[in-house]
């Protein structure tokens, strides 16, 4: 299925989102995506309206992370304060472009750790916090 998603992503012409579009698409939402060509890996990221960012990375078991997010220069930027350690994570802010498929309306962005090319993200509204 990941290979089919990658192929359909390549066929769907994309337009880069600006700051306002990114905010509308992601604030108060969770995104989920899988690394193309890999099994049992994936990420979910939450973008809280108060600037908090948290999520879970799945790879040989779940690994939680958290930090802050902001939008700068029409890019989604995150900084990890807990989790996401190791030599594959850049220390400090990591910024990614967000794209929308012009035909499908789907969102695309880079994997938070691998930064290896656009992939389809599944967007869901966050449930209210108790």
N, C-alpha and C. Protein backbone atom coordinates (compact mmCIF):
# COMPACT_ATOMS: atom_id res chain seq x y z
N UNK A 1 0.82 -1.19 0.00
CA UNK A 1 0.00 0.00 0.00
C UNK A 1 0.86 1.26 0.00
N UNK A 2 1.97 1.24 0.73
CA UNK A 2 2.84 2.41 0.76
C UNK A 2 3.40 2.71 -0.63
N UNK A 3 3.71 1.67 -1.39
CA UNK A 3 4.22 1.88 -2.73
C UNK A 3 3.14 2.52 -3.61
N UNK A 4 1.90 2.09 -3.45
CA UNK A 4 0.80 2.68 -4.21
C UNK A 4 0.61 4.14 -3.84
N UNK A 5 0.75 4.46 -2.56
CA UNK A 5 0.63 5.85 -2.12
C UNK A 5 1.75 6.69 -2.71
N UNK A 6 2.97 6.16 -2.71
CA UNK A 6 4.10 6.90 -3.26
C UNK A 6 3.89 7.15 -4.75
N UNK A 7 3.40 6.15 -5.47
CA UNK A 7 3.18 6.32 -6.91
C UNK A 7 2.08 7.34 -7.17
N UNK A 8 0.99 7.28 -6.40
CA UNK A 8 -0.09 8.24 -6.62
C UNK A 8 0.35 9.65 -6.22
N UNK A 9 1.23 9.76 -5.24
CA UNK A 9 1.74 11.07 -4.84
C UNK A 9 2.54 11.69 -5.98
N UNK A 10 3.29 10.87 -6.71
CA UNK A 10 4.09 11.38 -7.82
C UNK A 10 3.21 11.85 -8.97
N UNK A 11 2.04 11.23 -9.15
CA UNK A 11 1.14 11.58 -10.24
C UNK A 11 0.28 12.80 -9.94
N UNK A 12 0.12 13.16 -8.68
CA UNK A 12 -0.75 14.25 -8.26
C UNK A 12 0.07 15.54 -8.22
N UNK A 13 -0.18 16.47 -9.14
CA UNK A 13 0.54 17.75 -9.14
C UNK A 13 0.25 18.46 -7.83
N UNK A 14 1.28 19.01 -7.23
CA UNK A 14 1.12 19.62 -5.92
C UNK A 14 1.40 21.12 -5.96
N UNK A 15 0.79 21.82 -5.02
CA UNK A 15 1.02 23.24 -4.84
C UNK A 15 1.47 23.45 -3.40
N UNK A 16 2.53 24.21 -3.23
CA UNK A 16 3.07 24.48 -1.90
C UNK A 16 2.11 25.39 -1.15
N UNK A 17 1.85 25.07 0.12
CA UNK A 17 0.96 25.87 0.95
C UNK A 17 1.70 27.05 1.56
N UNK A 18 0.98 28.15 1.75
CA UNK A 18 1.55 29.30 2.45
C UNK A 18 1.21 29.18 3.94
N UNK A 19 1.66 30.14 4.73
CA UNK A 19 1.49 30.08 6.19
C UNK A 19 0.02 29.95 6.58
N UNK A 20 -0.85 30.74 5.96
CA UNK A 20 -2.27 30.70 6.29
C UNK A 20 -2.88 29.33 5.97
N UNK A 21 -2.53 28.77 4.82
CA UNK A 21 -3.04 27.46 4.43
C UNK A 21 -2.54 26.36 5.35
N UNK A 22 -1.27 26.44 5.74
CA UNK A 22 -0.69 25.46 6.67
C UNK A 22 -1.45 25.52 7.99
N UNK A 23 -1.64 26.73 8.50
CA UNK A 23 -2.35 26.91 9.76
C UNK A 23 -3.75 26.31 9.69
N UNK A 24 -4.48 26.60 8.62
CA UNK A 24 -5.84 26.07 8.45
C UNK A 24 -5.85 24.54 8.37
N UNK A 25 -4.87 23.98 7.70
CA UNK A 25 -4.84 22.53 7.48
C UNK A 25 -4.39 21.74 8.69
N UNK A 26 -3.52 22.32 9.53
CA UNK A 26 -2.89 21.51 10.56
C UNK A 26 -3.20 21.88 12.01
N UNK A 27 -3.51 23.12 12.31
CA UNK A 27 -3.75 23.50 13.70
C UNK A 27 -4.98 22.76 14.23
N UNK A 28 -4.79 22.11 15.37
CA UNK A 28 -5.87 21.33 15.96
C UNK A 28 -6.07 19.98 15.30
N UNK A 29 -5.07 19.54 14.55
CA UNK A 29 -5.17 18.26 13.84
C UNK A 29 -3.98 17.35 14.14
N UNK A 30 -4.18 16.09 13.85
CA UNK A 30 -3.13 15.10 13.92
C UNK A 30 -2.89 14.60 12.49
N UNK A 31 -1.64 14.41 12.13
CA UNK A 31 -1.32 13.80 10.84
C UNK A 31 -0.66 12.45 11.10
N UNK A 32 -0.94 11.51 10.22
CA UNK A 32 -0.33 10.18 10.27
C UNK A 32 0.27 9.89 8.91
N UNK A 33 1.41 9.21 8.91
CA UNK A 33 2.02 8.79 7.65
C UNK A 33 2.99 7.65 7.90
N UNK A 34 3.28 6.93 6.84
CA UNK A 34 4.19 5.79 6.90
C UNK A 34 5.36 6.08 5.98
N UNK A 35 6.49 5.56 6.33
CA UNK A 35 7.68 5.72 5.49
C UNK A 35 7.52 4.82 4.27
N UNK A 36 7.57 5.38 3.06
CA UNK A 36 7.37 4.57 1.85
C UNK A 36 8.35 3.41 1.76
N UNK A 37 7.82 2.24 1.42
CA UNK A 37 8.67 1.07 1.23
C UNK A 37 9.05 0.35 2.50
N UNK A 38 8.57 0.79 3.64
CA UNK A 38 8.90 0.16 4.92
C UNK A 38 7.62 -0.36 5.55
N UNK A 39 7.75 -1.43 6.31
CA UNK A 39 6.61 -1.94 7.05
C UNK A 39 6.84 -1.71 8.54
N UNK A 40 5.78 -1.65 9.27
CA UNK A 40 5.83 -1.47 10.73
C UNK A 40 6.55 -0.19 11.14
N UNK A 41 6.50 0.83 10.31
CA UNK A 41 7.05 2.13 10.68
C UNK A 41 5.98 3.17 10.40
N UNK A 42 6.02 4.23 11.13
CA UNK A 42 5.06 5.30 10.90
C UNK A 42 5.22 6.39 11.94
N UNK A 43 4.52 7.46 11.72
CA UNK A 43 4.58 8.60 12.62
C UNK A 43 3.19 9.20 12.73
N UNK A 44 2.88 9.70 13.90
CA UNK A 44 1.73 10.56 14.04
C UNK A 44 2.21 11.81 14.76
N UNK A 45 1.79 12.97 14.27
CA UNK A 45 2.17 14.25 14.85
C UNK A 45 0.91 15.05 15.15
N UNK A 46 0.87 15.69 16.32
CA UNK A 46 -0.24 16.55 16.71
C UNK A 46 0.23 17.99 16.76
N UNK A 47 -0.58 18.88 16.19
CA UNK A 47 -0.26 20.31 16.18
C UNK A 47 -1.33 21.05 16.97
N UNK A 48 -1.05 21.26 18.25
CA UNK A 48 -2.01 21.92 19.16
C UNK A 48 -2.06 23.41 18.87
N UNK A 49 -3.22 24.01 19.10
CA UNK A 49 -3.39 25.44 18.80
C UNK A 49 -2.57 26.34 19.71
N UNK A 50 -2.05 25.82 20.82
CA UNK A 50 -1.21 26.61 21.71
C UNK A 50 0.28 26.50 21.40
N UNK A 51 0.62 25.87 20.26
CA UNK A 51 2.01 25.75 19.85
C UNK A 51 2.71 24.50 20.33
N UNK A 52 2.00 23.65 21.08
CA UNK A 52 2.61 22.40 21.52
C UNK A 52 2.54 21.38 20.38
N UNK A 53 3.57 20.57 20.28
CA UNK A 53 3.69 19.55 19.26
C UNK A 53 4.06 18.25 19.95
N UNK A 54 3.37 17.20 19.61
CA UNK A 54 3.72 15.90 20.18
C UNK A 54 3.33 14.81 19.22
N UNK A 55 3.88 13.64 19.47
CA UNK A 55 3.55 12.54 18.59
C UNK A 55 4.20 11.25 19.00
N UNK A 56 4.07 10.28 18.12
CA UNK A 56 4.63 8.96 18.34
C UNK A 56 5.26 8.48 17.04
N UNK A 57 6.42 7.93 17.18
CA UNK A 57 7.13 7.30 16.05
C UNK A 57 7.10 5.81 16.29
N UNK A 58 6.70 5.05 15.26
CA UNK A 58 6.61 3.60 15.37
C UNK A 58 7.72 2.98 14.55
N UNK A 59 8.60 2.28 15.24
CA UNK A 59 9.71 1.57 14.61
C UNK A 59 10.29 0.66 15.68
N UNK A 60 9.98 -0.62 15.59
CA UNK A 60 10.36 -1.56 16.65
C UNK A 60 9.73 -1.14 17.98
N UNK A 61 8.51 -0.70 17.93
CA UNK A 61 7.79 -0.26 19.11
C UNK A 61 7.60 1.24 19.08
N UNK A 62 6.63 1.73 19.86
CA UNK A 62 6.34 3.16 19.85
C UNK A 62 7.38 3.97 20.64
N UNK A 63 7.65 5.16 20.15
CA UNK A 63 8.56 6.10 20.82
C UNK A 63 7.91 7.47 20.77
N UNK A 64 7.60 8.01 21.94
CA UNK A 64 6.92 9.31 22.02
C UNK A 64 7.91 10.46 21.91
N UNK A 65 7.42 11.58 21.41
CA UNK A 65 8.22 12.81 21.36
C UNK A 65 7.30 13.99 21.60
N UNK A 66 7.91 15.11 21.96
CA UNK A 66 7.12 16.33 22.16
C UNK A 66 8.04 17.54 22.03
N UNK A 67 7.42 18.69 21.83
CA UNK A 67 8.15 19.93 21.67
C UNK A 67 7.21 21.05 21.28
N UNK A 68 7.69 21.93 20.42
CA UNK A 68 6.93 23.09 19.98
C UNK A 68 6.88 23.13 18.46
N UNK A 69 5.88 23.81 17.92
CA UNK A 69 5.80 24.02 16.48
C UNK A 69 5.48 25.48 16.22
N UNK A 70 5.84 25.93 15.01
CA UNK A 70 5.50 27.27 14.54
C UNK A 70 5.57 27.25 13.02
N UNK A 71 5.07 28.30 12.43
CA UNK A 71 5.15 28.45 10.98
C UNK A 71 6.08 29.63 10.70
N UNK A 72 7.11 29.40 9.90
CA UNK A 72 8.08 30.44 9.55
C UNK A 72 8.40 30.33 8.07
N UNK A 73 8.36 31.45 7.37
CA UNK A 73 8.68 31.48 5.93
C UNK A 73 7.88 30.44 5.15
N UNK A 74 6.59 30.35 5.46
CA UNK A 74 5.69 29.41 4.78
C UNK A 74 6.15 27.96 4.91
N UNK A 75 6.76 27.64 6.04
CA UNK A 75 7.18 26.27 6.32
C UNK A 75 6.74 25.90 7.73
N UNK A 76 6.43 24.64 7.93
CA UNK A 76 6.07 24.10 9.23
C UNK A 76 7.35 23.74 9.96
N UNK A 77 7.59 24.37 11.12
CA UNK A 77 8.82 24.15 11.86
C UNK A 77 8.51 23.52 13.21
N UNK A 78 9.33 22.57 13.62
CA UNK A 78 9.17 21.89 14.90
C UNK A 78 10.52 21.81 15.60
N UNK A 79 10.45 21.80 16.92
CA UNK A 79 11.65 21.58 17.72
C UNK A 79 11.30 20.54 18.78
N UNK A 80 12.10 19.48 18.84
CA UNK A 80 11.87 18.41 19.81
C UNK A 80 12.48 18.80 21.15
N UNK A 81 11.70 18.64 22.20
CA UNK A 81 12.19 18.90 23.55
C UNK A 81 12.33 17.59 24.34
N UNK A 82 11.59 16.57 23.91
CA UNK A 82 11.69 15.23 24.48
C UNK A 82 11.55 14.23 23.35
N UNK A 83 12.34 13.16 23.39
CA UNK A 83 12.28 12.14 22.36
C UNK A 83 13.03 12.58 21.11
N UNK A 84 12.93 11.78 20.06
CA UNK A 84 13.60 12.05 18.78
C UNK A 84 15.09 12.32 18.95
N UNK A 85 15.74 11.51 19.75
CA UNK A 85 17.17 11.67 19.93
C UNK A 85 17.90 10.77 18.94
N UNK A 86 19.16 11.00 18.81
CA UNK A 86 19.98 10.18 17.92
C UNK A 86 20.54 11.01 16.80
N UNK A 87 21.41 10.39 16.01
CA UNK A 87 22.12 11.14 14.99
C UNK A 87 21.27 11.47 13.77
N UNK A 88 20.07 10.92 13.63
CA UNK A 88 19.22 11.26 12.49
C UNK A 88 18.35 12.48 12.76
N UNK A 89 18.28 12.94 13.97
CA UNK A 89 17.47 14.11 14.30
C UNK A 89 18.38 15.32 14.43
N UNK A 90 18.08 16.37 13.67
CA UNK A 90 18.86 17.60 13.76
C UNK A 90 18.47 18.33 15.04
N UNK A 91 19.45 18.76 15.78
CA UNK A 91 19.17 19.50 17.01
C UNK A 91 18.72 20.91 16.63
N UNK A 92 17.72 21.41 17.33
CA UNK A 92 17.16 22.71 17.00
C UNK A 92 15.95 22.55 16.11
N UNK A 93 15.54 23.65 15.53
CA UNK A 93 14.33 23.68 14.70
C UNK A 93 14.53 22.95 13.37
N UNK A 94 13.54 22.17 12.98
CA UNK A 94 13.52 21.50 11.68
C UNK A 94 12.28 22.01 10.96
N UNK A 95 12.46 22.53 9.75
CA UNK A 95 11.35 23.11 8.99
C UNK A 95 11.08 22.29 7.74
N UNK A 96 9.78 22.14 7.45
CA UNK A 96 9.34 21.35 6.29
C UNK A 96 8.29 22.13 5.51
N UNK A 97 8.31 21.96 4.22
CA UNK A 97 7.26 22.53 3.37
C UNK A 97 6.05 21.59 3.41
N UNK A 98 4.88 22.16 3.23
CA UNK A 98 3.65 21.38 3.17
C UNK A 98 3.01 21.64 1.81
N UNK A 99 2.54 20.59 1.17
CA UNK A 99 2.00 20.67 -0.18
C UNK A 99 0.60 20.07 -0.21
N UNK A 100 -0.22 20.51 -1.14
CA UNK A 100 -1.55 19.93 -1.33
C UNK A 100 -1.66 19.46 -2.78
N UNK A 101 -2.17 18.24 -2.94
CA UNK A 101 -2.41 17.71 -4.28
C UNK A 101 -3.54 18.47 -4.94
N UNK A 102 -3.29 18.97 -6.13
CA UNK A 102 -4.29 19.77 -6.82
C UNK A 102 -5.47 18.93 -7.29
N UNK A 103 -5.23 17.67 -7.57
CA UNK A 103 -6.32 16.80 -8.01
C UNK A 103 -7.00 16.10 -6.83
N UNK A 104 -6.22 15.61 -5.88
CA UNK A 104 -6.76 14.81 -4.78
C UNK A 104 -7.14 15.63 -3.56
N UNK A 105 -6.49 16.79 -3.37
CA UNK A 105 -6.70 17.57 -2.15
C UNK A 105 -5.93 17.04 -0.96
N UNK A 106 -5.16 15.96 -1.14
CA UNK A 106 -4.38 15.38 -0.04
C UNK A 106 -3.19 16.25 0.30
N UNK A 107 -2.76 16.17 1.55
CA UNK A 107 -1.57 16.89 1.99
C UNK A 107 -0.35 16.00 1.86
N UNK A 108 0.79 16.64 1.58
CA UNK A 108 2.07 15.96 1.47
C UNK A 108 3.09 16.76 2.28
N UNK A 109 4.01 16.05 2.95
CA UNK A 109 5.15 16.70 3.60
C UNK A 109 6.21 15.65 3.88
N UNK A 110 7.39 16.11 4.26
CA UNK A 110 8.49 15.20 4.57
C UNK A 110 8.26 14.51 5.90
N UNK A 111 8.83 13.32 6.02
CA UNK A 111 8.88 12.58 7.28
C UNK A 111 9.64 13.44 8.29
N UNK A 112 9.21 13.48 9.52
CA UNK A 112 9.82 14.36 10.52
C UNK A 112 11.28 14.01 10.81
N UNK A 113 11.67 12.76 10.65
CA UNK A 113 13.05 12.36 10.96
C UNK A 113 13.87 12.14 9.69
N UNK A 114 13.32 11.44 8.72
CA UNK A 114 14.11 11.05 7.57
C UNK A 114 14.28 12.16 6.54
N UNK A 115 13.32 13.06 6.43
CA UNK A 115 13.37 14.16 5.47
C UNK A 115 13.81 13.66 4.10
N UNK A 116 13.08 12.66 3.60
CA UNK A 116 13.51 11.99 2.37
C UNK A 116 12.53 12.15 1.22
N UNK A 117 11.76 13.18 1.21
CA UNK A 117 10.84 13.38 0.09
C UNK A 117 9.40 13.40 0.55
N UNK A 118 8.58 14.03 -0.25
CA UNK A 118 7.18 14.19 0.11
C UNK A 118 6.44 12.87 0.18
N UNK A 119 5.57 12.77 1.15
CA UNK A 119 4.70 11.62 1.27
C UNK A 119 3.32 12.06 1.71
N UNK A 120 2.34 11.24 1.43
CA UNK A 120 0.96 11.53 1.77
C UNK A 120 0.81 11.51 3.29
N UNK A 121 0.11 12.51 3.83
CA UNK A 121 -0.22 12.50 5.25
C UNK A 121 -1.74 12.42 5.38
N UNK A 122 -2.19 11.67 6.36
CA UNK A 122 -3.61 11.52 6.65
C UNK A 122 -3.90 12.47 7.81
N UNK A 123 -4.88 13.34 7.64
CA UNK A 123 -5.17 14.39 8.62
C UNK A 123 -6.48 14.06 9.34
N UNK A 124 -6.43 14.18 10.67
CA UNK A 124 -7.61 13.96 11.51
C UNK A 124 -7.71 15.09 12.52
N UNK A 125 -8.93 15.50 12.84
CA UNK A 125 -9.13 16.50 13.89
C UNK A 125 -8.77 15.90 15.23
N UNK A 126 -8.12 16.70 16.08
CA UNK A 126 -7.79 16.24 17.42
C UNK A 126 -9.04 16.21 18.27
N UNK A 127 -9.07 15.25 19.18
CA UNK A 127 -10.17 15.19 20.13
C UNK A 127 -9.91 16.23 21.23
N UNK A 128 -10.94 16.84 21.79
CA UNK A 128 -10.74 17.83 22.86
C UNK A 128 -10.00 17.20 24.04
N UNK A 129 -9.11 17.97 24.65
CA UNK A 129 -8.39 17.49 25.82
C UNK A 129 -9.28 17.58 27.03
N UNK A 130 -9.14 16.60 27.92
CA UNK A 130 -9.92 16.59 29.16
C UNK A 130 -9.19 17.30 30.25
